[in-house]
Amino acid sequence: MTKVAMIGFGGIAQSVHLPAHLKLEQEGRSKLVAVCDVDPTRFEKAMEINIGGSELKLSDDVKRYTDWQEMLDNEEVDMVDICVPTYLHAPIAKAVLARGIHVLSEKPMSLSYEESMSMCEAAKAADRKLMIGQCVRFAGPYNFLRDAVKNNTFGKIVTGVFRRMSGPPVWGWDNWFMDYERSHGCALDMHIHDLDFIRYMMGEPDAVSCETKDFYSGRDVAHSRLYYGDASLLVIGDWSLEGVEFCADFRVAFEKATVVYADGKLMVYPRGGEAYEAKVSDKDWYFAEIEFFLDMLQKGVENTVNQPESAALSVKLVDALCESADKGGEKITYSL
């Protein structure tokens, strides 16, 4: 059984990571032995974020710490689940890996491509597994879309729109989301979900362009375009919509059909045919992500889905989009 510790016990940890770990514990696959947060009230107070609230069910046998290094000095664990602010991902992940412990870290990987690659290098040096929480790669509706591209089910993509929108995430510790130096705004923190998935689905774009707007932290709104030959995809990330409920959806036009994911339903509209609802896995994306990481540790499953080097390249793509935004939305050639 894999022993797990969590560093960071705020909204994302409580709402989706904790339920996943507890379910895997019930299945006899892992055991959550300790959690750490600089704010001890987080161990008792349930939080709510843009994707919902938590029903805090932290059992008495789980040790609580406010210093993650002290936790790892005292506890024997096989993997650490890092759910801290983005600017802390790299230093903590590298230190944990150096202790010989596997690391699952929340997205985005870090604040820069160079820092992200240093995390990959640390994992190789320690001979330990590192994976970043790009949960959309494990989402049924999105993987239906990826399979359609891979199998040429509806022909080539012509155009599409991906949206991820919400009110400002003001629930974070020390309001870190609203501090651009610590989060790099919506462009890196929330927008990266769709950018990362599109890379996973289609590879690297030929060119990019982006326009951003500042409301709270900087780059709170990002309208990006990714160009693939004759096709272009509009990707919208926006956490400036105060009072608006979170939504994530897509509309993608292929040569032979349009695929729409909205309000939890995936629909296919064939050109000249009858619309139908596509059936896909309803497994929780975060659970599937953590389950996959355990498969890597316990069954030796090769990580062909979510390699850390690929997560680093998603950060690099955001850097290129921000460069375009700084140039007034200029279309720029993209190359690795």
C-alpha atoms as a PDB file:
ATOM      1  CA  MET A   1       0.000   0.000   0.000  1.00  0.00           C
ATOM      2  CA  THR A   2       1.329   3.403  -1.001  1.00  0.00           C
ATOM      3  CA  LYS A   3       1.695   5.870   1.868  1.00  0.00           C
ATOM      4  CA  VAL A   4       0.671   9.406   0.912  1.00  0.00           C
ATOM      5  CA  ALA A   5       1.227  12.848   2.408  1.00  0.00           C
ATOM      6  CA  MET A   6      -0.305  16.101   1.201  1.00  0.00           C
ATOM      7  CA  ILE A   7       1.433  19.479   1.296  1.00  0.00           C
ATOM      8  CA  GLY A   8      -1.133  22.249   1.098  1.00  0.00           C
ATOM      9  CA  PHE A   9      -4.651  21.667   2.381  1.00  0.00           C
ATOM     10  CA  GLY A  10      -6.654  24.481   0.855  1.00  0.00           C
ATOM     11  CA  GLY A  11      -9.552  24.496  -1.576  1.00  0.00           C
ATOM     12  CA  ILE A  12      -8.272  22.245  -4.373  1.00  0.00           C
ATOM     13  CA  ALA A  13      -6.804  19.773  -1.894  1.00  0.00           C
ATOM     14  CA  GLN A  14     -10.008  19.504   0.106  1.00  0.00           C
ATOM     15  CA  SER A  15     -12.481  19.594  -2.779  1.00  0.00           C
ATOM     16  CA  VAL A  16     -10.990  17.015  -5.127  1.00  0.00           C
ATOM     17  CA  HIS A  17      -7.657  15.575  -3.974  1.00  0.00           C
ATOM     18  CA  LEU A  18      -8.812  14.454  -0.517  1.00  0.00           C
ATOM     19  CA  PRO A  19     -11.936  12.612  -1.801  1.00  0.00           C
ATOM     20  CA  ALA A  20      -9.770  10.832  -4.387  1.00  0.00           C
ATOM     21  CA  HIS A  21      -7.234   9.737  -1.788  1.00  0.00           C
ATOM     22  CA  LEU A  22      -9.977   8.534   0.568  1.00  0.00           C
ATOM     23  CA  LYS A  23     -11.647   6.519  -2.205  1.00  0.00           C
ATOM     24  CA  LEU A  24      -8.325   4.915  -3.147  1.00  0.00           C
ATOM     25  CA  GLU A  25      -7.779   4.159   0.530  1.00  0.00           C
ATOM     26  CA  GLN A  26     -11.146   2.384   0.630  1.00  0.00           C
ATOM     27  CA  GLU A  27      -9.985   0.323  -2.354  1.00  0.00           C
ATOM     28  CA  GLY A  28      -6.887  -0.689  -0.412  1.00  0.00           C
ATOM     29  CA  ARG A  29      -4.478   0.991  -2.786  1.00  0.00           C
ATOM     30  CA  SER A  30      -3.086   3.816  -0.673  1.00  0.00           C
ATOM     31  CA  LYS A  31      -3.166   5.374   2.755  1.00  0.00           C
ATOM     32  CA  LEU A  32      -3.200   9.085   3.550  1.00  0.00           C
ATOM     33  CA  VAL A  33      -0.923   9.319   6.578  1.00  0.00           C
ATOM     34  CA  ALA A  34      -0.311  13.068   6.962  1.00  0.00           C
ATOM     35  CA  VAL A  35      -1.310  16.513   5.726  1.00  0.00           C
ATOM     36  CA  CYS A  36       0.443  19.847   6.035  1.00  0.00           C
ATOM     37  CA  ASP A  37      -0.734  23.446   5.780  1.00  0.00           C
ATOM     38  CA  VAL A  38       0.718  26.667   7.147  1.00  0.00           C
ATOM     39  CA  ASP A  39      -2.793  27.572   8.324  1.00  0.00           C
ATOM     40  CA  PRO A  40      -3.919  24.970  10.911  1.00  0.00           C
ATOM     41  CA  THR A  41      -7.554  26.088  10.647  1.00  0.00           C
ATOM     42  CA  ARG A  42      -7.647  24.407   7.225  1.00  0.00           C
ATOM     43  CA  PHE A  43      -7.665  20.993   8.944  1.00  0.00           C
ATOM     44  CA  GLU A  44     -11.069  21.682  10.489  1.00  0.00           C
ATOM     45  CA  LYS A  45     -12.769  24.187   8.186  1.00  0.00           C
ATOM     46  CA  ALA A  46     -14.272  23.062   4.896  1.00  0.00           C
ATOM     47  CA  MET A  47     -13.577  25.353   1.944  1.00  0.00           C
ATOM     48  CA  GLU A  48     -15.407  26.198  -1.258  1.00  0.00           C
ATOM     49  CA  ILE A  49     -13.787  27.049  -4.596  1.00  0.00           C
ATOM     50  CA  ASN A  50     -15.004  27.717  -8.154  1.00  0.00           C
ATOM     51  CA  ILE A  51     -15.699  24.040  -8.906  1.00  0.00           C
ATOM     52  CA  GLY A  52     -17.561  23.416  -5.646  1.00  0.00           C
ATOM     53  CA  GLY A  53     -17.138  22.889  -1.944  1.00  0.00           C
ATOM     54  CA  SER A  54     -15.718  20.138   0.183  1.00  0.00           C
ATOM     55  CA  GLU A  55     -17.191  17.864   2.807  1.00  0.00           C
ATOM     56  CA  LEU A  56     -14.164  17.689   5.035  1.00  0.00           C
ATOM     57  CA  LYS A  57     -13.640  14.102   6.249  1.00  0.00           C
ATOM     58  CA  LEU A  58     -10.122  13.997   7.610  1.00  0.00           C
ATOM     59  CA  SER A  59      -9.883  11.039   9.998  1.00  0.00           C
ATOM     60  CA  ASP A  60      -8.243  11.309  13.397  1.00  0.00           C
ATOM     61  CA  ASP A  61      -5.376   8.984  12.448  1.00  0.00           C
ATOM     62  CA  VAL A  62      -4.107  11.409   9.775  1.00  0.00           C
ATOM     63  CA  LYS A  63      -1.283  13.467  11.273  1.00  0.00           C
ATOM     64  CA  ARG A  64      -1.478  17.247  10.936  1.00  0.00           C
ATOM     65  CA  TYR A  65       1.554  19.490  10.421  1.00  0.00           C
ATOM     66  CA  THR A  66       2.226  23.153   9.675  1.00  0.00           C
ATOM     67  CA  ASP A  67       5.810  22.516   8.471  1.00  0.00           C
ATOM     68  CA  TRP A  68       6.202  20.138   5.544  1.00  0.00           C
ATOM     69  CA  GLN A  69       9.858  19.421   6.226  1.00  0.00           C
ATOM     70  CA  GLU A  70       9.025  18.424   9.791  1.00  0.00           C
ATOM     71  CA  MET A  71       6.251  16.201   8.412  1.00  0.00           C
ATOM     72  CA  LEU A  72       8.625  14.384   6.093  1.00  0.00           C
ATOM     73  CA  ASP A  73      11.251  14.087   8.838  1.00  0.00           C
ATOM     74  CA  ASN A  74       8.685  12.323  11.038  1.00  0.00           C
ATOM     75  CA  GLU A  75       6.585  10.312   8.580  1.00  0.00           C
ATOM     76  CA  GLU A  76       7.450   7.469   6.204  1.00  0.00           C
ATOM     77  CA  VAL A  77       5.727   8.180   2.907  1.00  0.00           C
ATOM     78  CA  ASP A  78       6.060   6.934  -0.667  1.00  0.00           C
ATOM     79  CA  MET A  79       4.478   9.890  -2.463  1.00  0.00           C
ATOM     80  CA  VAL A  80       3.626  13.513  -1.781  1.00  0.00           C
ATOM     81  CA  ASP A  81       0.675  15.340  -3.318  1.00  0.00           C
ATOM     82  CA  ILE A  82       1.601  19.034  -3.599  1.00  0.00           C
ATOM     83  CA  CYS A  83      -1.310  21.501  -3.549  1.00  0.00           C
ATOM     84  CA  VAL A  84       0.414  24.786  -2.720  1.00  0.00           C
ATOM     85  CA  PRO A  85       0.582  28.125  -4.596  1.00  0.00           C
ATOM     86  CA  THR A  86       2.322  27.952  -7.968  1.00  0.00           C
ATOM     87  CA  TYR A  87       5.441  29.869  -6.955  1.00  0.00           C
ATOM     88  CA  LEU A  88       6.180  27.158  -4.366  1.00  0.00           C
ATOM     89  CA  HIS A  89       5.757  24.147  -6.674  1.00  0.00           C
ATOM     90  CA  ALA A  90       9.339  23.932  -7.927  1.00  0.00           C
ATOM     91  CA  PRO A  91      11.275  24.435  -4.669  1.00  0.00           C
ATOM     92  CA  ILE A  92       9.085  22.037  -2.704  1.00  0.00           C
ATOM     93  CA  ALA A  93       8.883  19.387  -5.437  1.00  0.00           C
ATOM     94  CA  LYS A  94      12.644  19.356  -5.942  1.00  0.00           C
ATOM     95  CA  ALA A  95      13.296  19.072  -2.214  1.00  0.00           C
ATOM     96  CA  VAL A  96      10.789  16.222  -1.848  1.00  0.00           C
ATOM     97  CA  LEU A  97      12.239  14.358  -4.832  1.00  0.00           C
ATOM     98  CA  ALA A  98      15.720  14.736  -3.342  1.00  0.00           C
ATOM     99  CA  ARG A  99      14.409  12.849  -0.292  1.00  0.00           C
ATOM    100  CA  GLY A 100      13.609   9.895  -2.566  1.00  0.00           C
ATOM    101  CA  ILE A 101       9.843  10.465  -2.571  1.00  0.00           C
ATOM    102  CA  HIS A 102       7.575  10.423  -5.654  1.00  0.00           C
ATOM    103  CA  VAL A 103       5.733  13.682  -6.403  1.00  0.00           C
ATOM    104  CA  LEU A 104       2.341  14.553  -7.823  1.00  0.00           C
ATOM    105  CA  SER A 105       2.093  18.350  -8.046  1.00  0.00           C
ATOM    106  CA  GLU A 106      -0.835  20.563  -8.950  1.00  0.00           C
ATOM    107  CA  LYS A 107      -0.787  22.557 -12.148  1.00  0.00           C
ATOM    108  CA  PRO A 108       0.594  24.823 -13.487  1.00  0.00           C
ATOM    109  CA  MET A 109       3.990  23.161 -13.192  1.00  0.00           C
ATOM    110  CA  SER A 110       5.779  26.356 -12.136  1.00  0.00           C
ATOM    111  CA  LEU A 111       6.089  30.025 -13.062  1.00  0.00           C
ATOM    112  CA  SER A 112       8.550  29.433 -15.921  1.00  0.00           C
ATOM    113  CA  TYR A 113       9.647  26.839 -18.445  1.00  0.00           C
ATOM    114  CA  GLU A 114      13.212  26.850 -17.124  1.00  0.00           C
ATOM    115  CA  GLU A 115      12.038  26.245 -13.569  1.00  0.00           C
ATOM    116  CA  SER A 116       9.707  23.495 -14.784  1.00  0.00           C
ATOM    117  CA  MET A 117      12.545  21.710 -16.567  1.00  0.00           C
ATOM    118  CA  SER A 118      14.617  21.884 -13.373  1.00  0.00           C
ATOM    119  CA  MET A 119      11.849  19.838 -11.735  1.00  0.00           C
ATOM    120  CA  CYS A 120      12.148  17.217 -14.496  1.00  0.00           C
ATOM    121  CA  GLU A 121      15.903  17.103 -13.968  1.00  0.00           C
ATOM    122  CA  ALA A 122      15.423  16.688 -10.207  1.00  0.00           C
ATOM    123  CA  ALA A 123      13.105  13.709 -10.798  1.00  0.00           C
ATOM    124  CA  LYS A 124      15.653  12.047 -13.081  1.00  0.00           C
ATOM    125  CA  ALA A 125      18.493  12.666 -10.607  1.00  0.00           C
ATOM    126  CA  ALA A 126      16.461  11.134  -7.770  1.00  0.00           C
ATOM    127  CA  ASP A 127      15.106   8.294  -9.955  1.00  0.00           C
ATOM    128  CA  ARG A 128      11.597   9.102  -8.753  1.00  0.00           C
ATOM    129  CA  LYS A 129       8.287   9.738 -10.516  1.00  0.00           C
ATOM    130  CA  LEU A 130       7.005  13.259 -11.103  1.00  0.00           C
ATOM    131  CA  MET A 131       3.614  14.099 -12.589  1.00  0.00           C
ATOM    132  CA  ILE A 132       1.749  17.394 -12.861  1.00  0.00           C
ATOM    133  CA  GLY A 133      -1.989  17.644 -12.221  1.00  0.00           C
ATOM    134  CA  GLN A 134      -3.209  18.379 -15.749  1.00  0.00           C
ATOM    135  CA  CYS A 135      -6.525  16.718 -14.961  1.00  0.00           C
ATOM    136  CA  VAL A 136      -8.212  17.511 -18.294  1.00  0.00           C
ATOM    137  CA  ARG A 137      -5.997  14.875 -19.937  1.00  0.00           C
ATOM    138  CA  PHE A 138      -8.028  12.338 -17.910  1.00  0.00           C
ATOM    139  CA  ALA A 139     -11.477  13.767 -18.739  1.00  0.00           C
ATOM    140  CA  GLY A 140     -13.916  11.623 -20.701  1.00  0.00           C
ATOM    141  CA  PRO A 141     -15.450  14.374 -22.900  1.00  0.00           C
ATOM    142  CA  TYR A 142     -12.073  15.826 -23.806  1.00  0.00           C
ATOM    143  CA  ASN A 143     -10.588  12.432 -24.595  1.00  0.00           C
ATOM    144  CA  PHE A 144     -13.543  11.734 -26.896  1.00  0.00           C
ATOM    145  CA  LEU A 145     -12.424  14.817 -28.810  1.00  0.00           C
ATOM    146  CA  ARG A 146      -8.790  13.693 -28.819  1.00  0.00           C
ATOM    147  CA  ASP A 147      -9.761  10.237 -30.100  1.00  0.00           C
ATOM    148  CA  ALA A 148     -11.824  11.859 -32.878  1.00  0.00           C
ATOM    149  CA  VAL A 149      -8.722  13.757 -33.990  1.00  0.00           C
ATOM    150  CA  LYS A 150      -6.455  10.729 -33.679  1.00  0.00           C
ATOM    151  CA  ASN A 151      -8.828   8.408 -35.550  1.00  0.00           C
ATOM    152  CA  ASN A 152      -9.994  11.010 -38.089  1.00  0.00           C
ATOM    153  CA  THR A 153     -13.549  10.153 -37.061  1.00  0.00           C
ATOM    154  CA  PHE A 154     -15.090  13.356 -38.407  1.00  0.00           C
ATOM    155  CA  GLY A 155     -12.285  14.492 -40.681  1.00  0.00           C
ATOM    156  CA  LYS A 156      -9.961  17.350 -39.845  1.00  0.00           C
ATOM    157  CA  ILE A 157     -10.632  20.142 -37.366  1.00  0.00           C
ATOM    158  CA  VAL A 158     -11.653  23.380 -39.091  1.00  0.00           C
ATOM    159  CA  THR A 159     -12.052  25.651 -36.085  1.00  0.00           C
ATOM    160  CA  GLY A 160     -13.087  25.568 -32.442  1.00  0.00           C
ATOM    161  CA  VAL A 161     -13.602  27.461 -29.208  1.00  0.00           C
ATOM    162  CA  PHE A 162     -12.537  26.350 -25.729  1.00  0.00           C
ATOM    163  CA  ARG A 163     -13.730  28.352 -22.709  1.00  0.00           C
ATOM    164  CA  ARG A 164     -12.856  28.290 -19.024  1.00  0.00           C
ATOM    165  CA  MET A 165     -14.448  31.114 -17.054  1.00  0.00           C
ATOM    166  CA  SER A 166     -15.299  32.060 -13.474  1.00  0.00           C
ATOM    167  CA  GLY A 167     -15.285  34.745 -10.846  1.00  0.00           C
ATOM    168  CA  PRO A 168     -11.940  35.728  -9.306  1.00  0.00           C
ATOM    169  CA  PRO A 169     -10.401  33.015  -7.052  1.00  0.00           C
ATOM    170  CA  VAL A 170     -10.190  35.086  -3.890  1.00  0.00           C
ATOM    171  CA  TRP A 171     -10.276  32.085  -1.541  1.00  0.00           C
ATOM    172  CA  GLY A 172      -6.549  31.319  -1.816  1.00  0.00           C
ATOM    173  CA  TRP A 173      -4.162  31.552   1.105  1.00  0.00           C
ATOM    174  CA  ASP A 174      -2.912  35.134   1.525  1.00  0.00           C
ATOM    175  CA  ASN A 175      -4.944  35.981  -1.623  1.00  0.00           C
ATOM    176  CA  TRP A 176      -2.031  34.624  -3.674  1.00  0.00           C
ATOM    177  CA  PHE A 177      -4.065  34.109  -6.860  1.00  0.00           C
ATOM    178  CA  MET A 178      -4.565  37.877  -7.063  1.00  0.00           C
ATOM    179  CA  ASP A 179      -0.822  38.525  -6.827  1.00  0.00           C
ATOM    180  CA  TYR A 180       0.591  38.303 -10.357  1.00  0.00           C
ATOM    181  CA  GLU A 181       4.142  37.669  -9.141  1.00  0.00           C
ATOM    182  CA  ARG A 182       2.967  34.508  -7.381  1.00  0.00           C
ATOM    183  CA  SER A 183       0.313  33.232  -9.842  1.00  0.00           C
ATOM    184  CA  HIS A 184       0.970  34.892 -13.222  1.00  0.00           C
ATOM    185  CA  GLY A 185      -2.766  35.441 -13.421  1.00  0.00           C
ATOM    186  CA  CYS A 186      -5.472  33.488 -15.192  1.00  0.00           C
ATOM    187  CA  ALA A 187      -3.246  33.136 -18.269  1.00  0.00           C
ATOM    188  CA  LEU A 188      -1.035  30.639 -16.468  1.00  0.00           C
ATOM    189  CA  ASP A 189      -3.226  29.315 -13.682  1.00  0.00           C
ATOM    190  CA  MET A 190      -6.612  28.524 -15.258  1.00  0.00           C
ATOM    191  CA  HIS A 191      -6.128  29.102 -19.001  1.00  0.00           C
ATOM    192  CA  ILE A 192      -3.375  26.459 -19.034  1.00  0.00           C
ATOM    193  CA  HIS A 193      -5.918  23.615 -18.656  1.00  0.00           C
ATOM    194  CA  ASP A 194      -7.257  24.070 -22.196  1.00  0.00           C
ATOM    195  CA  LEU A 195      -3.892  25.013 -23.684  1.00  0.00           C
ATOM    196  CA  ASP A 196      -2.327  21.879 -22.237  1.00  0.00           C
ATOM    197  CA  PHE A 197      -5.134  19.676 -23.531  1.00  0.00           C
ATOM    198  CA  ILE A 198      -4.977  21.128 -27.039  1.00  0.00           C
ATOM    199  CA  ARG A 199      -1.239  20.403 -27.113  1.00  0.00           C
ATOM    200  CA  TYR A 200      -2.000  16.855 -25.921  1.00  0.00           C
ATOM    201  CA  MET A 201      -4.592  16.490 -28.676  1.00  0.00           C
ATOM    202  CA  MET A 202      -2.871  18.202 -31.613  1.00  0.00           C
ATOM    203  CA  GLY A 203       0.761  18.769 -30.742  1.00  0.00           C
ATOM    204  CA  GLU A 204       2.559  22.098 -30.902  1.00  0.00           C
ATOM    205  CA  PRO A 205       0.907  24.940 -32.843  1.00  0.00           C
ATOM    206  CA  ASP A 206       2.545  26.566 -35.849  1.00  0.00           C
ATOM    207  CA  ALA A 207       1.798  30.061 -34.579  1.00  0.00           C
ATOM    208  CA  VAL A 208       0.012  31.782 -31.691  1.00  0.00           C
ATOM    209  CA  SER A 209      -1.559  35.101 -30.791  1.00  0.00           C
ATOM    210  CA  CYS A 210      -3.070  36.414 -27.583  1.00  0.00           C
ATOM    211  CA  GLU A 211      -4.731  39.442 -26.057  1.00  0.00           C
ATOM    212  CA  THR A 212      -5.014  39.848 -22.279  1.00  0.00           C
ATOM    213  CA  LYS A 213      -6.801  42.229 -19.930  1.00  0.00           C
ATOM    214  CA  ASP A 214      -5.971  43.210 -16.354  1.00  0.00           C
ATOM    215  CA  PHE A 215      -8.623  43.524 -13.661  1.00  0.00           C
ATOM    216  CA  TYR A 216      -7.198  42.187 -10.407  1.00  0.00           C
ATOM    217  CA  SER A 217      -3.854  40.421 -10.624  1.00  0.00           C
ATOM    218  CA  GLY A 218      -2.795  40.997 -14.233  1.00  0.00           C
ATOM    219  CA  ARG A 219      -3.700  38.825 -17.239  1.00  0.00           C
ATOM    220  CA  ASP A 220      -7.063  38.027 -15.621  1.00  0.00           C
ATOM    221  CA  VAL A 221      -8.541  37.580 -19.116  1.00  0.00           C
ATOM    222  CA  ALA A 222      -6.738  35.785 -21.941  1.00  0.00           C
ATOM    223  CA  HIS A 223      -8.070  35.320 -25.472  1.00  0.00           C
ATOM    224  CA  SER A 224      -5.592  33.081 -27.261  1.00  0.00           C
ATOM    225  CA  ARG A 225      -5.465  31.668 -30.765  1.00  0.00           C
ATOM    226  CA  LEU A 226      -3.544  28.553 -31.667  1.00  0.00           C
ATOM    227  CA  TYR A 227      -2.911  27.997 -35.374  1.00  0.00           C
ATOM    228  CA  TYR A 228      -2.504  24.532 -36.907  1.00  0.00           C
ATOM    229  CA  GLY A 229      -2.122  24.789 -40.671  1.00  0.00           C
ATOM    230  CA  ASP A 230      -5.452  26.063 -42.006  1.00  0.00           C
ATOM    231  CA  ALA A 231      -7.223  25.484 -38.688  1.00  0.00           C
ATOM    232  CA  SER A 232      -7.330  27.854 -35.747  1.00  0.00           C
ATOM    233  CA  LEU A 233      -8.640  27.405 -32.215  1.00  0.00           C
ATOM    234  CA  LEU A 234      -9.831  30.232 -29.995  1.00  0.00           C
ATOM    235  CA  VAL A 235      -9.096  29.579 -26.317  1.00  0.00           C
ATOM    236  CA  ILE A 236     -10.686  31.817 -23.671  1.00  0.00           C
ATOM    237  CA  GLY A 237      -9.580  31.975 -20.053  1.00  0.00           C
ATOM    238  CA  ASP A 238     -11.318  34.502 -17.802  1.00  0.00           C
ATOM    239  CA  TRP A 239     -11.495  34.734 -14.024  1.00  0.00           C
ATOM    240  CA  SER A 240     -12.648  38.369 -13.971  1.00  0.00           C
ATOM    241  CA  LEU A 241     -16.376  37.552 -14.020  1.00  0.00           C
ATOM    242  CA  GLU A 242     -17.324  38.408 -10.468  1.00  0.00           C
ATOM    243  CA  GLY A 243     -20.514  36.655  -9.377  1.00  0.00           C
ATOM    244  CA  VAL A 244     -20.505  34.272 -12.357  1.00  0.00           C
ATOM    245  CA  GLU A 245     -20.452  30.513 -11.826  1.00  0.00           C
ATOM    246  CA  PHE A 246     -17.517  28.513 -13.168  1.00  0.00           C
ATOM    247  CA  CYS A 247     -17.926  26.989 -16.615  1.00  0.00           C
ATOM    248  CA  ALA A 248     -15.674  24.967 -18.890  1.00  0.00           C
ATOM    249  CA  ASP A 249     -16.828  23.933 -22.352  1.00  0.00           C
ATOM    250  CA  PHE A 250     -15.841  23.553 -25.992  1.00  0.00           C
ATOM    251  CA  ARG A 251     -17.318  23.698 -29.488  1.00  0.00           C
ATOM    252  CA  VAL A 252     -15.173  22.150 -32.195  1.00  0.00           C
ATOM    253  CA  ALA A 253     -16.101  22.079 -35.877  1.00  0.00           C
ATOM    254  CA  PHE A 254     -14.711  19.190 -37.922  1.00  0.00           C
ATOM    255  CA  GLU A 255     -15.153  18.676 -41.657  1.00  0.00           C
ATOM    256  CA  LYS A 256     -17.983  16.198 -41.085  1.00  0.00           C
ATOM    257  CA  ALA A 257     -19.446  17.118 -37.690  1.00  0.00           C
ATOM    258  CA  THR A 258     -19.434  19.570 -34.801  1.00  0.00           C
ATOM    259  CA  VAL A 259     -18.704  18.342 -31.288  1.00  0.00           C
ATOM    260  CA  VAL A 260     -20.047  20.368 -28.370  1.00  0.00           C
ATOM    261  CA  TYR A 261     -19.393  19.909 -24.670  1.00  0.00           C
ATOM    262  CA  ALA A 262     -21.489  22.170 -22.441  1.00  0.00           C
ATOM    263  CA  ASP A 263     -23.352  21.872 -19.138  1.00  0.00           C
ATOM    264  CA  GLY A 264     -21.921  18.403 -18.565  1.00  0.00           C
ATOM    265  CA  LYS A 265     -23.298  16.991 -21.832  1.00  0.00           C
ATOM    266  CA  LEU A 266     -21.298  15.945 -24.908  1.00  0.00           C
ATOM    267  CA  MET A 267     -23.185  16.254 -28.199  1.00  0.00           C
ATOM    268  CA  VAL A 268     -22.232  15.387 -31.770  1.00  0.00           C
ATOM    269  CA  TYR A 269     -23.904  17.215 -34.664  1.00  0.00           C
ATOM    270  CA  PRO A 270     -23.086  15.402 -37.944  1.00  0.00           C
ATOM    271  CA  ARG A 271     -23.266  17.561 -41.047  1.00  0.00           C
ATOM    272  CA  GLY A 272     -26.457  16.419 -42.748  1.00  0.00           C
ATOM    273  CA  GLY A 273     -27.219  13.872 -40.023  1.00  0.00           C
ATOM    274  CA  GLU A 274     -29.085  13.564 -36.744  1.00  0.00           C
ATOM    275  CA  ALA A 275     -27.525  14.874 -33.537  1.00  0.00           C
ATOM    276  CA  TYR A 276     -26.715  12.435 -30.740  1.00  0.00           C
ATOM    277  CA  GLU A 277     -25.272  12.457 -27.249  1.00  0.00           C
ATOM    278  CA  ALA A 278     -21.888  10.749 -27.063  1.00  0.00           C
ATOM    279  CA  LYS A 279     -21.347   8.347 -24.185  1.00  0.00           C
ATOM    280  CA  VAL A 280     -18.031   8.747 -22.400  1.00  0.00           C
ATOM    281  CA  SER A 281     -16.473   7.783 -19.093  1.00  0.00           C
ATOM    282  CA  ASP A 282     -17.960   9.676 -16.178  1.00  0.00           C
ATOM    283  CA  LYS A 283     -15.022   8.924 -13.889  1.00  0.00           C
ATOM    284  CA  ASP A 284     -13.967  11.949 -11.852  1.00  0.00           C
ATOM    285  CA  TRP A 285     -11.032  13.593 -13.629  1.00  0.00           C
ATOM    286  CA  TYR A 286      -9.009  14.179 -10.476  1.00  0.00           C
ATOM    287  CA  PHE A 287      -9.592  10.652  -9.238  1.00  0.00           C
ATOM    288  CA  ALA A 288      -8.506   9.250 -12.626  1.00  0.00           C
ATOM    289  CA  GLU A 289      -5.371  11.380 -12.513  1.00  0.00           C
ATOM    290  CA  ILE A 290      -4.330  10.219  -9.033  1.00  0.00           C
ATOM    291  CA  GLU A 291      -5.313   6.621  -9.801  1.00  0.00           C
ATOM    292  CA  PHE A 292      -3.067   6.742 -12.878  1.00  0.00           C
ATOM    293  CA  PHE A 293      -0.150   8.019 -10.809  1.00  0.00           C
ATOM    294  CA  LEU A 294      -0.639   5.119  -8.399  1.00  0.00           C
ATOM    295  CA  ASP A 295      -0.660   2.752 -11.385  1.00  0.00           C
ATOM    296  CA  MET A 296       2.725   4.161 -12.328  1.00  0.00           C
ATOM    297  CA  LEU A 297       4.079   3.536  -8.830  1.00  0.00           C
ATOM    298  CA  GLN A 298       2.433   0.194  -8.106  1.00  0.00           C
ATOM    299  CA  LYS A 299       2.084  -1.501 -11.498  1.00  0.00           C
ATOM    300  CA  GLY A 300       4.954   0.027 -13.415  1.00  0.00           C
ATOM    301  CA  VAL A 301       2.584   1.609 -15.949  1.00  0.00           C
ATOM    302  CA  GLU A 302       4.505   3.805 -18.375  1.00  0.00           C
ATOM    303  CA  ASN A 303       3.500   7.450 -18.324  1.00  0.00           C
ATOM    304  CA  THR A 304       2.414   7.944 -21.927  1.00  0.00           C
ATOM    305  CA  VAL A 305      -0.401  10.308 -20.927  1.00  0.00           C
ATOM    306  CA  ASN A 306       1.017  13.106 -18.821  1.00  0.00           C
ATOM    307  CA  GLN A 307       4.806  13.360 -18.852  1.00  0.00           C
ATOM    308  CA  PRO A 308       6.337  16.201 -16.814  1.00  0.00           C
ATOM    309  CA  GLU A 309       8.333  17.398 -19.816  1.00  0.00           C
ATOM    310  CA  SER A 310       5.035  17.919 -21.653  1.00  0.00           C
ATOM    311  CA  ALA A 311       3.619  19.887 -18.716  1.00  0.00           C
ATOM    312  CA  ALA A 312       6.732  22.069 -18.886  1.00  0.00           C
ATOM    313  CA  LEU A 313       6.052  22.744 -22.571  1.00  0.00           C
ATOM    314  CA  SER A 314       2.559  23.952 -21.683  1.00  0.00           C
ATOM    315  CA  VAL A 315       4.195  26.582 -19.466  1.00  0.00           C
ATOM    316  CA  LYS A 316       6.442  27.478 -22.410  1.00  0.00           C
ATOM    317  CA  LEU A 317       3.359  27.944 -24.590  1.00  0.00           C
ATOM    318  CA  VAL A 318       1.878  30.357 -22.052  1.00  0.00           C
ATOM    319  CA  ASP A 319       5.141  32.303 -22.141  1.00  0.00           C
ATOM    320  CA  ALA A 320       4.791  32.639 -25.938  1.00  0.00           C
ATOM    321  CA  LEU A 321       1.177  33.765 -25.644  1.00  0.00           C
ATOM    322  CA  CYS A 322       2.160  36.403 -23.095  1.00  0.00           C
ATOM    323  CA  GLU A 323       4.867  37.596 -25.497  1.00  0.00           C
ATOM    324  CA  SER A 324       2.184  38.024 -28.160  1.00  0.00           C
ATOM    325  CA  ALA A 325      -0.049  39.898 -25.701  1.00  0.00           C
ATOM    326  CA  ASP A 326       2.820  42.247 -24.857  1.00  0.00           C
ATOM    327  CA  LYS A 327       3.076  42.974 -28.597  1.00  0.00           C
ATOM    328  CA  GLY A 328      -0.594  43.921 -28.832  1.00  0.00           C
ATOM    329  CA  GLY A 329      -1.840  40.485 -29.874  1.00  0.00           C
ATOM    330  CA  GLU A 330       0.608  40.036 -32.722  1.00  0.00           C
ATOM    331  CA  LYS A 331       0.587  36.611 -34.405  1.00  0.00           C
ATOM    332  CA  ILE A 332       3.969  35.033 -33.831  1.00  0.00           C
ATOM    333  CA  THR A 333       5.561  31.875 -35.138  1.00  0.00           C
ATOM    334  CA  TYR A 334       5.869  29.234 -32.439  1.00  0.00           C
ATOM    335  CA  SER A 335       8.804  26.884 -32.168  1.00  0.00           C
ATOM    336  CA  LEU A 336      10.302  24.809 -29.370  1.00  0.00           C
END
